[in-house]
Amino acid sequence: MKRELCASLVSVGLVAASSALAPRPALAQGAETFTATASVKGPQGLVTAPVTVVVNRLLTDAERQTVVAALKSNGTAGVRDTLAKMPAIGYIEVGGQKDDIQYAYARSTGDGRLVTVVSGKPILHMGSKLPGAKPKTGYDLAFALLIVPGSGKGSGELGPAVKVKMGPQGEVVTEDYASEVVTLSDVEKQK
């Protein structure tokens, strides 16, 4: 499934031109922990799993620019190879499975924030064991978009195995391995 995440990913800084003039939000003292519930329609109905995202620090502007350059020059492979050289700055845990994240960026959204995290490896190729499943090649990243409101619970999306590329308008386009979108509900920052 292909999705254009122009409004989301451009605003969080994967595309340098849109974020160069925006003030960079600081990370609160220490790590931040976010919780959510992932939901996806499966063959047997709705499947849910708990999600925890721990961000120990946000990327520096220089680190983010390195990822942006890799995306522009070589798409998913460039981002994957660049993230492989970067240290883990937190993790995403889905249903008890932890995977390191190497990219974390937060952007103010008025009364809240949009937090994007990326892992340099996929979490899960959903549906890969079904008869006739497509090849997993190239679906080498995982990401989560967390919309964290100033109060109450937010929402978001999880891409457990994705390809990324730059679109014709400079937008980031993702292609999910799975045929169904994994939505996140009850997103909130833990105190």
N, C-alpha and C. Protein backbone atom coordinates (compact mmCIF):
# COMPACT_ATOMS: atom_id res chain seq x y z
N MET A 1 0.84 -1.16 0.00
CA MET A 1 0.00 0.00 0.00
C MET A 1 0.89 1.23 0.00
N LYS A 2 0.67 2.18 -0.91
CA LYS A 2 1.45 3.41 -0.97
C LYS A 2 0.69 4.52 -0.28
N ARG A 3 1.43 5.35 0.44
CA ARG A 3 0.83 6.50 1.12
C ARG A 3 1.73 7.69 0.94
N GLU A 4 1.15 8.82 0.75
CA GLU A 4 1.90 10.05 0.76
C GLU A 4 1.74 10.65 2.14
N LEU A 5 2.86 10.88 2.79
CA LEU A 5 2.83 11.44 4.13
C LEU A 5 3.39 12.85 4.12
N CYS A 6 3.13 13.55 3.05
CA CYS A 6 3.68 14.88 2.88
C CYS A 6 3.44 15.75 4.11
N ALA A 7 2.21 15.87 4.55
CA ALA A 7 1.91 16.76 5.67
C ALA A 7 2.61 16.31 6.94
N SER A 8 2.69 15.01 7.15
CA SER A 8 3.29 14.50 8.37
C SER A 8 4.81 14.52 8.32
N LEU A 9 5.40 13.80 7.36
CA LEU A 9 6.84 13.67 7.36
C LEU A 9 7.55 14.95 6.95
N VAL A 10 6.99 15.70 6.03
CA VAL A 10 7.62 16.96 5.68
C VAL A 10 7.66 17.86 6.90
N SER A 11 6.57 17.88 7.66
CA SER A 11 6.53 18.76 8.82
C SER A 11 7.44 18.31 9.95
N VAL A 12 7.84 17.05 9.98
CA VAL A 12 8.72 16.60 11.05
C VAL A 12 10.18 16.65 10.64
N GLY A 13 10.47 16.99 9.43
CA GLY A 13 11.85 17.29 9.10
C GLY A 13 12.61 16.28 8.28
N LEU A 14 12.00 15.25 7.70
CA LEU A 14 12.77 14.41 6.81
C LEU A 14 13.11 15.16 5.53
N VAL A 15 12.32 16.13 5.18
CA VAL A 15 12.62 16.96 4.03
C VAL A 15 13.17 18.28 4.55
N ALA A 16 14.42 18.52 4.31
CA ALA A 16 15.13 19.63 4.94
C ALA A 16 14.54 21.00 4.62
N ALA A 17 14.12 21.20 3.40
CA ALA A 17 13.65 22.53 3.02
C ALA A 17 12.48 23.01 3.85
N SER A 18 11.59 22.12 4.22
CA SER A 18 10.42 22.54 4.97
C SER A 18 10.70 22.79 6.43
N SER A 19 11.81 22.26 6.93
CA SER A 19 12.05 22.40 8.37
C SER A 19 13.20 23.33 8.70
N ALA A 20 13.90 23.81 7.70
CA ALA A 20 15.08 24.61 7.96
C ALA A 20 14.77 25.89 8.73
N LEU A 21 13.62 26.48 8.51
CA LEU A 21 13.29 27.73 9.16
C LEU A 21 12.54 27.54 10.47
N ALA A 22 12.12 26.34 10.76
CA ALA A 22 11.31 26.09 11.96
C ALA A 22 12.20 25.95 13.18
N PRO A 23 11.75 26.46 14.34
CA PRO A 23 12.54 26.27 15.56
C PRO A 23 12.55 24.79 15.94
N ARG A 24 13.67 24.33 16.42
CA ARG A 24 13.82 22.93 16.81
C ARG A 24 13.39 22.77 18.25
N PRO A 25 12.37 21.94 18.51
CA PRO A 25 11.93 21.73 19.88
C PRO A 25 12.95 20.92 20.67
N ALA A 26 13.13 21.28 21.91
CA ALA A 26 14.08 20.57 22.77
C ALA A 26 13.41 19.37 23.40
N LEU A 27 14.20 18.35 23.67
CA LEU A 27 13.70 17.18 24.37
C LEU A 27 13.71 17.48 25.85
N ALA A 28 12.66 17.08 26.52
CA ALA A 28 12.58 17.27 27.96
C ALA A 28 13.73 16.54 28.65
N GLN A 29 14.03 16.91 29.89
CA GLN A 29 15.08 16.25 30.65
C GLN A 29 14.87 14.74 30.63
N GLY A 30 15.90 13.99 30.30
CA GLY A 30 15.81 12.54 30.29
C GLY A 30 15.00 12.02 29.13
N ALA A 31 14.77 10.73 29.16
CA ALA A 31 14.03 10.05 28.10
C ALA A 31 12.54 10.38 28.18
N GLU A 32 11.91 10.29 27.02
CA GLU A 32 10.45 10.41 26.95
C GLU A 32 9.89 9.05 26.57
N THR A 33 8.80 8.69 27.20
CA THR A 33 8.15 7.42 26.91
C THR A 33 6.73 7.70 26.46
N PHE A 34 6.36 7.09 25.32
CA PHE A 34 5.02 7.22 24.77
C PHE A 34 4.40 5.83 24.70
N THR A 35 3.12 5.75 24.97
CA THR A 35 2.41 4.49 24.84
C THR A 35 1.24 4.67 23.87
N ALA A 36 0.83 3.57 23.26
CA ALA A 36 -0.27 3.60 22.29
C ALA A 36 -0.78 2.18 22.12
N THR A 37 -1.86 2.06 21.36
CA THR A 37 -2.39 0.76 20.96
C THR A 37 -2.39 0.71 19.44
N ALA A 38 -1.73 -0.32 18.88
CA ALA A 38 -1.72 -0.53 17.44
C ALA A 38 -2.91 -1.41 17.07
N SER A 39 -3.56 -1.07 15.95
CA SER A 39 -4.71 -1.85 15.48
C SER A 39 -4.59 -2.04 13.98
N VAL A 40 -4.93 -3.26 13.53
CA VAL A 40 -4.93 -3.56 12.11
C VAL A 40 -5.97 -4.65 11.85
N LYS A 41 -6.63 -4.56 10.70
CA LYS A 41 -7.59 -5.59 10.33
C LYS A 41 -6.84 -6.77 9.75
N GLY A 42 -7.06 -7.93 10.35
CA GLY A 42 -6.43 -9.16 9.88
C GLY A 42 -7.48 -10.11 9.34
N PRO A 43 -7.06 -11.29 8.88
CA PRO A 43 -8.00 -12.28 8.35
C PRO A 43 -9.07 -12.71 9.37
N GLN A 44 -8.70 -12.69 10.65
CA GLN A 44 -9.65 -13.08 11.69
C GLN A 44 -10.32 -11.88 12.37
N GLY A 45 -10.16 -10.69 11.81
CA GLY A 45 -10.76 -9.50 12.40
C GLY A 45 -9.71 -8.53 12.89
N LEU A 46 -10.10 -7.65 13.79
CA LEU A 46 -9.22 -6.62 14.31
C LEU A 46 -8.20 -7.22 15.26
N VAL A 47 -6.93 -6.89 15.03
CA VAL A 47 -5.84 -7.34 15.88
C VAL A 47 -5.24 -6.10 16.53
N THR A 48 -5.01 -6.16 17.85
CA THR A 48 -4.41 -5.03 18.55
C THR A 48 -3.15 -5.49 19.29
N ALA A 49 -2.27 -4.53 19.57
CA ALA A 49 -1.06 -4.81 20.33
C ALA A 49 -0.63 -3.53 21.03
N PRO A 50 -0.06 -3.65 22.23
CA PRO A 50 0.46 -2.47 22.91
C PRO A 50 1.75 -2.00 22.24
N VAL A 51 1.94 -0.68 22.23
CA VAL A 51 3.14 -0.08 21.65
C VAL A 51 3.75 0.85 22.69
N THR A 52 5.06 0.77 22.85
CA THR A 52 5.81 1.70 23.69
C THR A 52 6.94 2.26 22.86
N VAL A 53 7.10 3.57 22.89
CA VAL A 53 8.21 4.23 22.19
C VAL A 53 9.00 5.00 23.25
N VAL A 54 10.30 4.71 23.34
CA VAL A 54 11.17 5.43 24.25
C VAL A 54 12.17 6.22 23.41
N VAL A 55 12.22 7.52 23.63
CA VAL A 55 13.14 8.41 22.92
C VAL A 55 14.11 8.98 23.95
N ASN A 56 15.37 8.60 23.84
CA ASN A 56 16.40 9.10 24.76
C ASN A 56 16.91 10.47 24.36
N ARG A 57 16.89 10.73 23.07
CA ARG A 57 17.27 12.06 22.56
C ARG A 57 16.76 12.22 21.15
N LEU A 58 16.63 13.46 20.73
CA LEU A 58 16.25 13.77 19.35
C LEU A 58 17.52 13.91 18.52
N LEU A 59 17.39 13.77 17.22
CA LEU A 59 18.54 13.95 16.33
C LEU A 59 19.00 15.41 16.36
N THR A 60 20.29 15.59 16.15
CA THR A 60 20.81 16.94 15.94
C THR A 60 20.43 17.34 14.51
N ASP A 61 20.53 18.62 14.21
CA ASP A 61 20.24 19.07 12.85
C ASP A 61 21.20 18.43 11.84
N ALA A 62 22.46 18.28 12.22
CA ALA A 62 23.45 17.67 11.32
C ALA A 62 23.09 16.20 11.05
N GLU A 63 22.69 15.48 12.08
CA GLU A 63 22.30 14.08 11.90
C GLU A 63 21.07 13.97 11.00
N ARG A 64 20.11 14.85 11.22
CA ARG A 64 18.90 14.84 10.39
C ARG A 64 19.24 15.14 8.94
N GLN A 65 20.13 16.09 8.71
CA GLN A 65 20.53 16.42 7.34
C GLN A 65 21.20 15.25 6.64
N THR A 66 21.94 14.45 7.39
CA THR A 66 22.58 13.26 6.84
C THR A 66 21.52 12.27 6.35
N VAL A 67 20.48 12.07 7.15
CA VAL A 67 19.39 11.16 6.77
C VAL A 67 18.65 11.71 5.54
N VAL A 68 18.39 13.01 5.53
CA VAL A 68 17.71 13.63 4.39
C VAL A 68 18.52 13.44 3.11
N ALA A 69 19.82 13.68 3.18
CA ALA A 69 20.67 13.51 2.00
C ALA A 69 20.64 12.07 1.51
N ALA A 70 20.66 11.13 2.44
CA ALA A 70 20.60 9.70 2.07
C ALA A 70 19.28 9.37 1.39
N LEU A 71 18.18 9.92 1.90
CA LEU A 71 16.87 9.70 1.29
C LEU A 71 16.83 10.26 -0.13
N LYS A 72 17.31 11.48 -0.29
CA LYS A 72 17.29 12.11 -1.61
C LYS A 72 18.16 11.37 -2.63
N SER A 73 19.30 10.86 -2.17
CA SER A 73 20.22 10.25 -3.12
C SER A 73 19.96 8.78 -3.39
N ASN A 74 19.44 8.05 -2.39
CA ASN A 74 19.33 6.61 -2.59
C ASN A 74 18.12 5.98 -1.91
N GLY A 75 17.07 6.74 -1.62
CA GLY A 75 15.82 6.19 -1.11
C GLY A 75 15.99 5.32 0.12
N THR A 76 15.24 4.23 0.16
CA THR A 76 15.23 3.33 1.31
C THR A 76 16.62 2.79 1.64
N ALA A 77 17.35 2.34 0.64
CA ALA A 77 18.67 1.77 0.87
C ALA A 77 19.60 2.81 1.49
N GLY A 78 19.53 4.04 1.02
CA GLY A 78 20.37 5.09 1.57
C GLY A 78 20.04 5.38 3.02
N VAL A 79 18.75 5.46 3.33
CA VAL A 79 18.33 5.70 4.71
C VAL A 79 18.74 4.52 5.59
N ARG A 80 18.48 3.30 5.12
CA ARG A 80 18.84 2.10 5.89
C ARG A 80 20.34 2.07 6.20
N ASP A 81 21.16 2.32 5.19
CA ASP A 81 22.61 2.28 5.38
C ASP A 81 23.09 3.40 6.31
N THR A 82 22.49 4.56 6.20
CA THR A 82 22.85 5.68 7.08
C THR A 82 22.45 5.39 8.52
N LEU A 83 21.24 4.89 8.72
CA LEU A 83 20.79 4.58 10.08
C LEU A 83 21.63 3.47 10.71
N ALA A 84 22.11 2.53 9.90
CA ALA A 84 22.94 1.44 10.41
C ALA A 84 24.23 1.95 11.04
N LYS A 85 24.68 3.11 10.61
CA LYS A 85 25.92 3.70 11.14
C LYS A 85 25.66 4.58 12.36
N MET A 86 24.40 4.83 12.67
CA MET A 86 24.05 5.72 13.77
C MET A 86 23.73 4.91 15.03
N PRO A 87 24.02 5.47 16.20
CA PRO A 87 23.70 4.74 17.43
C PRO A 87 22.20 4.73 17.70
N ALA A 88 21.77 3.76 18.46
CA ALA A 88 20.37 3.71 18.89
C ALA A 88 20.12 4.90 19.82
N ILE A 89 18.98 5.56 19.62
CA ILE A 89 18.62 6.69 20.48
C ILE A 89 17.30 6.42 21.20
N GLY A 90 16.93 5.18 21.23
CA GLY A 90 15.70 4.76 21.89
C GLY A 90 15.24 3.46 21.29
N TYR A 91 13.98 3.14 21.53
CA TYR A 91 13.44 1.91 20.96
C TYR A 91 11.93 2.01 20.79
N ILE A 92 11.42 1.12 19.95
CA ILE A 92 9.99 0.95 19.79
C ILE A 92 9.69 -0.51 20.14
N GLU A 93 8.71 -0.70 20.98
CA GLU A 93 8.31 -2.04 21.38
C GLU A 93 6.87 -2.26 20.94
N VAL A 94 6.66 -3.30 20.15
CA VAL A 94 5.33 -3.64 19.65
C VAL A 94 5.03 -5.07 20.07
N GLY A 95 4.01 -5.23 20.87
CA GLY A 95 3.61 -6.56 21.31
C GLY A 95 4.71 -7.35 21.99
N GLY A 96 5.59 -6.66 22.72
CA GLY A 96 6.67 -7.34 23.43
C GLY A 96 7.98 -7.45 22.67
N GLN A 97 8.02 -7.08 21.39
CA GLN A 97 9.25 -7.13 20.60
C GLN A 97 9.86 -5.74 20.54
N LYS A 98 11.11 -5.59 20.99
CA LYS A 98 11.81 -4.30 20.99
C LYS A 98 12.73 -4.19 19.79
N ASP A 99 12.70 -3.02 19.14
CA ASP A 99 13.61 -2.71 18.06
C ASP A 99 14.18 -1.31 18.28
N ASP A 100 15.48 -1.16 18.08
CA ASP A 100 16.13 0.13 18.25
C ASP A 100 15.62 1.13 17.22
N ILE A 101 15.61 2.40 17.62
CA ILE A 101 15.35 3.49 16.68
C ILE A 101 16.63 4.32 16.58
N GLN A 102 16.88 4.83 15.38
CA GLN A 102 18.05 5.67 15.15
C GLN A 102 17.64 7.08 14.73
N TYR A 103 16.37 7.29 14.50
CA TYR A 103 15.85 8.60 14.07
C TYR A 103 14.69 8.96 14.98
N ALA A 104 14.74 10.14 15.57
CA ALA A 104 13.63 10.66 16.37
C ALA A 104 13.61 12.17 16.20
N TYR A 105 12.45 12.68 15.87
CA TYR A 105 12.29 14.12 15.68
C TYR A 105 10.90 14.52 16.15
N ALA A 106 10.81 15.65 16.80
CA ALA A 106 9.52 16.14 17.28
C ALA A 106 9.30 17.54 16.76
N ARG A 107 8.06 17.83 16.40
CA ARG A 107 7.67 19.14 15.86
C ARG A 107 6.43 19.61 16.58
N SER A 108 6.41 20.86 16.96
CA SER A 108 5.24 21.44 17.62
C SER A 108 4.07 21.49 16.64
N THR A 109 2.86 21.20 17.14
CA THR A 109 1.66 21.25 16.31
C THR A 109 0.62 22.20 16.91
N GLY A 110 1.05 23.21 17.57
CA GLY A 110 0.12 24.13 18.22
C GLY A 110 -0.01 23.77 19.68
N ASP A 111 -0.97 22.92 20.00
CA ASP A 111 -1.15 22.53 21.41
C ASP A 111 -0.46 21.22 21.75
N GLY A 112 0.23 20.61 20.81
CA GLY A 112 0.88 19.33 21.06
C GLY A 112 2.12 19.17 20.21
N ARG A 113 2.44 17.92 19.89
CA ARG A 113 3.62 17.63 19.08
C ARG A 113 3.35 16.46 18.16
N LEU A 114 4.10 16.43 17.08
CA LEU A 114 4.13 15.30 16.16
C LEU A 114 5.52 14.70 16.30
N VAL A 115 5.59 13.47 16.77
CA VAL A 115 6.87 12.79 17.00
C VAL A 115 7.01 11.69 15.95
N THR A 116 8.13 11.69 15.24
CA THR A 116 8.41 10.65 14.26
C THR A 116 9.65 9.89 14.70
N VAL A 117 9.53 8.57 14.69
CA VAL A 117 10.69 7.72 14.98
C VAL A 117 10.85 6.72 13.84
N VAL A 118 12.11 6.38 13.56
CA VAL A 118 12.40 5.44 12.47
C VAL A 118 13.44 4.43 12.95
N SER A 119 13.19 3.18 12.62
CA SER A 119 14.14 2.10 12.87
C SER A 119 14.78 1.72 11.54
N GLY A 120 16.07 1.44 11.59
CA GLY A 120 16.80 1.06 10.39
C GLY A 120 16.59 -0.37 9.97
N LYS A 121 15.59 -1.02 10.57
CA LYS A 121 15.23 -2.37 10.13
C LYS A 121 13.74 -2.55 10.35
N PRO A 122 13.12 -3.45 9.60
CA PRO A 122 11.68 -3.66 9.75
C PRO A 122 11.36 -4.34 11.08
N ILE A 123 10.17 -4.06 11.58
CA ILE A 123 9.67 -4.72 12.78
C ILE A 123 9.03 -6.05 12.41
N LEU A 124 8.21 -6.03 11.36
CA LEU A 124 7.46 -7.21 10.96
C LEU A 124 6.96 -7.04 9.53
N HIS A 125 7.13 -8.05 8.72
CA HIS A 125 6.56 -8.07 7.37
C HIS A 125 5.20 -8.77 7.49
N MET A 126 4.16 -7.98 7.80
CA MET A 126 2.83 -8.56 8.02
C MET A 126 2.31 -9.22 6.75
N GLY A 127 1.92 -10.47 6.86
CA GLY A 127 1.38 -11.21 5.73
C GLY A 127 2.41 -11.94 4.90
N SER A 128 3.69 -11.90 5.31
CA SER A 128 4.74 -12.52 4.50
C SER A 128 4.68 -14.03 4.46
N LYS A 129 3.96 -14.64 5.39
CA LYS A 129 3.86 -16.10 5.42
C LYS A 129 2.61 -16.62 4.73
N LEU A 130 1.81 -15.72 4.19
CA LEU A 130 0.61 -16.13 3.46
C LEU A 130 0.98 -16.64 2.08
N PRO A 131 0.20 -17.55 1.53
CA PRO A 131 0.48 -18.02 0.17
C PRO A 131 0.45 -16.84 -0.82
N GLY A 132 1.43 -16.82 -1.70
CA GLY A 132 1.48 -15.77 -2.71
C GLY A 132 1.96 -14.42 -2.20
N ALA A 133 2.56 -14.38 -1.01
CA ALA A 133 3.04 -13.11 -0.45
C ALA A 133 4.13 -12.51 -1.33
N LYS A 134 4.16 -11.19 -1.38
CA LYS A 134 5.17 -10.51 -2.19
C LYS A 134 6.54 -10.61 -1.51
N PRO A 135 7.61 -10.44 -2.26
CA PRO A 135 8.96 -10.49 -1.69
C PRO A 135 9.16 -9.37 -0.66
N LYS A 136 9.97 -9.64 0.37
CA LYS A 136 10.24 -8.66 1.43
C LYS A 136 11.35 -7.69 1.04
N THR A 137 12.03 -7.94 -0.04
CA THR A 137 13.17 -7.15 -0.46
C THR A 137 12.81 -5.66 -0.56
N GLY A 138 13.62 -4.83 0.07
CA GLY A 138 13.46 -3.38 -0.01
C GLY A 138 12.58 -2.77 1.06
N TYR A 139 11.80 -3.57 1.74
CA TYR A 139 10.96 -3.07 2.84
C TYR A 139 11.80 -3.13 4.11
N ASP A 140 12.77 -2.23 4.19
CA ASP A 140 13.87 -2.34 5.15
C ASP A 140 13.78 -1.41 6.36
N LEU A 141 12.75 -0.60 6.47
CA LEU A 141 12.63 0.36 7.56
C LEU A 141 11.32 0.17 8.29
N ALA A 142 11.23 0.74 9.47
CA ALA A 142 9.97 0.82 10.21
C ALA A 142 9.86 2.24 10.76
N PHE A 143 8.64 2.73 10.86
CA PHE A 143 8.47 4.07 11.42
C PHE A 143 7.18 4.14 12.22
N ALA A 144 7.12 5.15 13.08
CA ALA A 144 5.89 5.46 13.81
C ALA A 144 5.74 6.96 13.83
N LEU A 145 4.51 7.41 13.56
CA LEU A 145 4.13 8.82 13.68
C LEU A 145 3.20 8.91 14.87
N LEU A 146 3.56 9.72 15.84
CA LEU A 146 2.77 9.87 17.05
C LEU A 146 2.25 11.30 17.13
N ILE A 147 0.95 11.46 17.08
CA ILE A 147 0.34 12.78 17.25
C ILE A 147 -0.01 12.87 18.73
N VAL A 148 0.74 13.70 19.44
CA VAL A 148 0.62 13.81 20.89
C VAL A 148 0.00 15.15 21.23
N PRO A 149 -1.29 15.19 21.59
CA PRO A 149 -1.94 16.46 21.90
C PRO A 149 -1.45 17.02 23.24
N GLY A 150 -1.70 18.31 23.47
CA GLY A 150 -1.33 18.93 24.73
C GLY A 150 -2.05 18.31 25.91
N SER A 151 -3.26 17.83 25.68
CA SER A 151 -4.00 17.12 26.73
C SER A 151 -4.81 16.01 26.08
N GLY A 152 -5.07 14.97 26.82
CA GLY A 152 -5.82 13.84 26.28
C GLY A 152 -4.94 12.91 25.50
N LYS A 153 -5.58 11.99 24.81
CA LYS A 153 -4.86 10.97 24.05
C LYS A 153 -4.87 11.30 22.56
N GLY A 154 -3.79 10.92 21.88
CA GLY A 154 -3.65 11.21 20.47
C GLY A 154 -3.80 9.98 19.60
N SER A 155 -3.26 10.09 18.39
CA SER A 155 -3.37 9.02 17.41
C SER A 155 -2.06 8.94 16.64
N GLY A 156 -2.04 8.10 15.62
CA GLY A 156 -0.85 8.00 14.80
C GLY A 156 -0.92 6.83 13.86
N GLU A 157 0.24 6.49 13.30
CA GLU A 157 0.38 5.37 12.38
C GLU A 157 1.67 4.63 12.65
N LEU A 158 1.67 3.38 12.31
CA LEU A 158 2.85 2.54 12.43
C LEU A 158 3.08 1.88 11.08
N GLY A 159 4.28 1.98 10.58
CA GLY A 159 4.68 1.27 9.36
C GLY A 159 5.72 0.24 9.75
N PRO A 160 5.30 -1.01 10.01
CA PRO A 160 6.25 -2.00 10.50
C PRO A 160 7.29 -2.47 9.49
N ALA A 161 7.04 -2.28 8.20
CA ALA A 161 8.01 -2.61 7.15
C ALA A 161 7.67 -1.74 5.95
N VAL A 162 8.55 -0.78 5.64
CA VAL A 162 8.25 0.19 4.58
C VAL A 162 9.46 0.46 3.69
N LYS A 163 9.15 0.96 2.51
CA LYS A 163 10.11 1.58 1.61
C LYS A 163 9.81 3.08 1.65
N VAL A 164 10.82 3.93 1.42
CA VAL A 164 10.60 5.37 1.36
C VAL A 164 11.29 5.94 0.13
N LYS A 165 10.73 7.02 -0.39
CA LYS A 165 11.37 7.74 -1.49
C LYS A 165 10.86 9.17 -1.50
N MET A 166 11.52 10.00 -2.25
CA MET A 166 11.08 11.39 -2.43
C MET A 166 10.09 11.43 -3.58
N GLY A 167 8.99 12.11 -3.37
CA GLY A 167 7.99 12.27 -4.40
C GLY A 167 8.31 13.45 -5.30
N PRO A 168 7.52 13.66 -6.34
CA PRO A 168 7.81 14.72 -7.31
C PRO A 168 7.71 16.13 -6.74
N GLN A 169 6.98 16.30 -5.67
CA GLN A 169 6.83 17.63 -5.05
C GLN A 169 7.73 17.78 -3.82
N GLY A 170 8.68 16.87 -3.63
CA GLY A 170 9.56 16.92 -2.48
C GLY A 170 8.97 16.27 -1.24
N GLU A 171 7.83 15.60 -1.41
CA GLU A 171 7.19 14.92 -0.28
C GLU A 171 7.82 13.55 -0.08
N VAL A 172 7.73 13.05 1.14
CA VAL A 172 8.20 11.71 1.44
C VAL A 172 7.04 10.75 1.17
N VAL A 173 7.30 9.73 0.37
CA VAL A 173 6.28 8.74 0.04
C VAL A 173 6.72 7.41 0.63
N THR A 174 5.81 6.78 1.37
CA THR A 174 6.12 5.46 1.92
C THR A 174 5.29 4.41 1.20
N GLU A 175 5.85 3.24 1.11
CA GLU A 175 5.13 2.08 0.59
C GLU A 175 5.21 0.99 1.64
N ASP A 176 4.07 0.64 2.20
CA ASP A 176 4.01 -0.38 3.23
C ASP A 176 4.06 -1.77 2.61
N TYR A 177 4.71 -2.70 3.31
CA TYR A 177 4.69 -4.09 2.88
C TYR A 177 3.28 -4.66 3.04
N ALA A 178 2.66 -4.33 4.15
CA ALA A 178 1.31 -4.85 4.44
C ALA A 178 0.27 -4.16 3.58
N SER A 179 -0.83 -4.83 3.39
CA SER A 179 -1.92 -4.25 2.60
C SER A 179 -2.85 -3.40 3.46
N GLU A 180 -2.75 -3.51 4.77
CA GLU A 180 -3.60 -2.74 5.69
C GLU A 180 -2.76 -1.76 6.49
N VAL A 181 -3.30 -0.59 6.74
CA VAL A 181 -2.63 0.43 7.55
C VAL A 181 -2.75 0.05 9.03
N VAL A 182 -1.65 0.18 9.75
CA VAL A 182 -1.65 -0.03 11.19
C VAL A 182 -1.86 1.34 11.85
N THR A 183 -3.00 1.49 12.50
CA THR A 183 -3.29 2.76 13.16
C THR A 183 -2.88 2.69 14.63
N LEU A 184 -2.57 3.84 15.18
CA LEU A 184 -2.25 3.95 16.59
C LEU A 184 -3.32 4.79 17.26
N SER A 185 -3.82 4.32 18.37
CA SER A 185 -4.80 5.06 19.15
C SER A 185 -4.30 5.17 20.59
N ASP A 186 -4.95 6.00 21.35
CA ASP A 186 -4.59 6.20 22.77
C ASP A 186 -3.13 6.58 22.95
N VAL A 187 -2.60 7.38 22.02
CA VAL A 187 -1.20 7.81 22.12
C VAL A 187 -1.09 8.84 23.25
N GLU A 188 -0.17 8.59 24.16
CA GLU A 188 0.06 9.58 25.21
C GLU A 188 1.48 9.48 25.74
N LYS A 189 1.97 10.62 26.19
CA LYS A 189 3.29 10.69 26.82
C LYS A 189 3.10 10.28 28.27
N GLN A 190 3.98 9.38 28.72
CA GLN A 190 3.95 8.97 30.11
C GLN A 190 4.68 9.97 30.97
N LYS A 191 4.24 10.14 32.16
CA LYS A 191 4.85 11.13 33.05
C LYS A 191 5.99 10.53 33.81
